[in-house]
Amino acid sequence: MTARLGLAIALLLLLPSTSGAQSSAAVVAAKIETGAAPCGVVAGAGAIWVSNIGDATVVRIDPATNDVTARITVHPNPCGLAFSGGSLWVQTGAGVADRIDVATGKVVATVRVGRDSYDVQVGHGSVWVTNHRDGTVSRIDPRTNRVKKTIRLPAGTRAAGLAITSRHVWVGADLTASIYRIDPKTNAVRRVRTPESGPAWFAAQPGSLWVANTVSDSISRLNPITGATLATVAVGKLPVDLELADGELWVPNTRADTVSRVDAASKATTETIPVGSQPIVIEAAFGDIWVTHLGGTAVWRLHSST
């Protein structure tokens, strides 16, 4: 799940809560200091991994103790993270993706991608990286650590977030009202227009696909095969890298310093949670919700019994 350099904006006042009744409120279980401007977060190999844009590091958190147990130097401006097969893939703003062997904590490969890379995901036998300014997607072969295909989106497109579904790779475009569907068998690209503006970041599970609309301040449920919009829910200012877990959407609202909690079945916002400065990426793991903050130095661990 993963954003990003273009979203590091000035701190604004908290929006008033729009939460309604909920069965259990989320509480802050821990605030874990990781480094300057924590951005990406992902679970893997029994740990939580966090990238820090401000000091070019990736840290490992032990979820049993909330202690940082490793710190790894990577290329400048790291954010997006993806875990697969013992490797942690790190999208950076340096025009490269770093591959970390989590067993050793070492960077074992560096793969050159495009300018202003934005997100990274793993699926369909490849590692996928979006390049925002280039309007391209780099498809990496993890067996060779080389880009085997650079997929170009229509001219003027700014490639943002990624999602992997059973049939396709989805690409958001935060400056348009369109998303893009890639056929991993052929690398063919199909444009899907959306009724909301700025569809950029995704949450995907089998049979389910959601997108955060950064301009419209909303999230939308999509048909996971066609990409057609099925429903839209208003959230906070500048929603970014949402997460779907146990029938709920957790949405970081970067300009509101809040997280919206949305019931996926009823499409209702059940809670608006004040968090730290500029929340940007969320991961559901180890029974909790983990939130990074571009405007701070800590990852917040939220707990909610259900």
Foldseek 3Di string as FASTA:
>chain_A
DWFFDVPPDDADAADDKPADADPWDKDFPDWAFDFAQWAAWDDDPQWIWIAHQVQQWIWTARVVVRDTDDIAHDDHGWHAWEDDDQWIWIDGQPQWIWIARVVVRYGPDIEGHGHCWTYWYDDPQWIWIFHFVQQWIFTARVVVRYGPDIQHDPPPFGWHEWDDEPAWIKTWGQQAQWIWTAGVVVRDIDIDGHPAHGFGEWEDDHQWIKTQRQVRQWIFTAGPVRRYTDDIAHHAHGWAHWYDDPQWIWTFHQRNQWIWIARNVVRDTNTIGHHDHRWHHWDDDPQWIWTTHSNDRIITTMHIDD
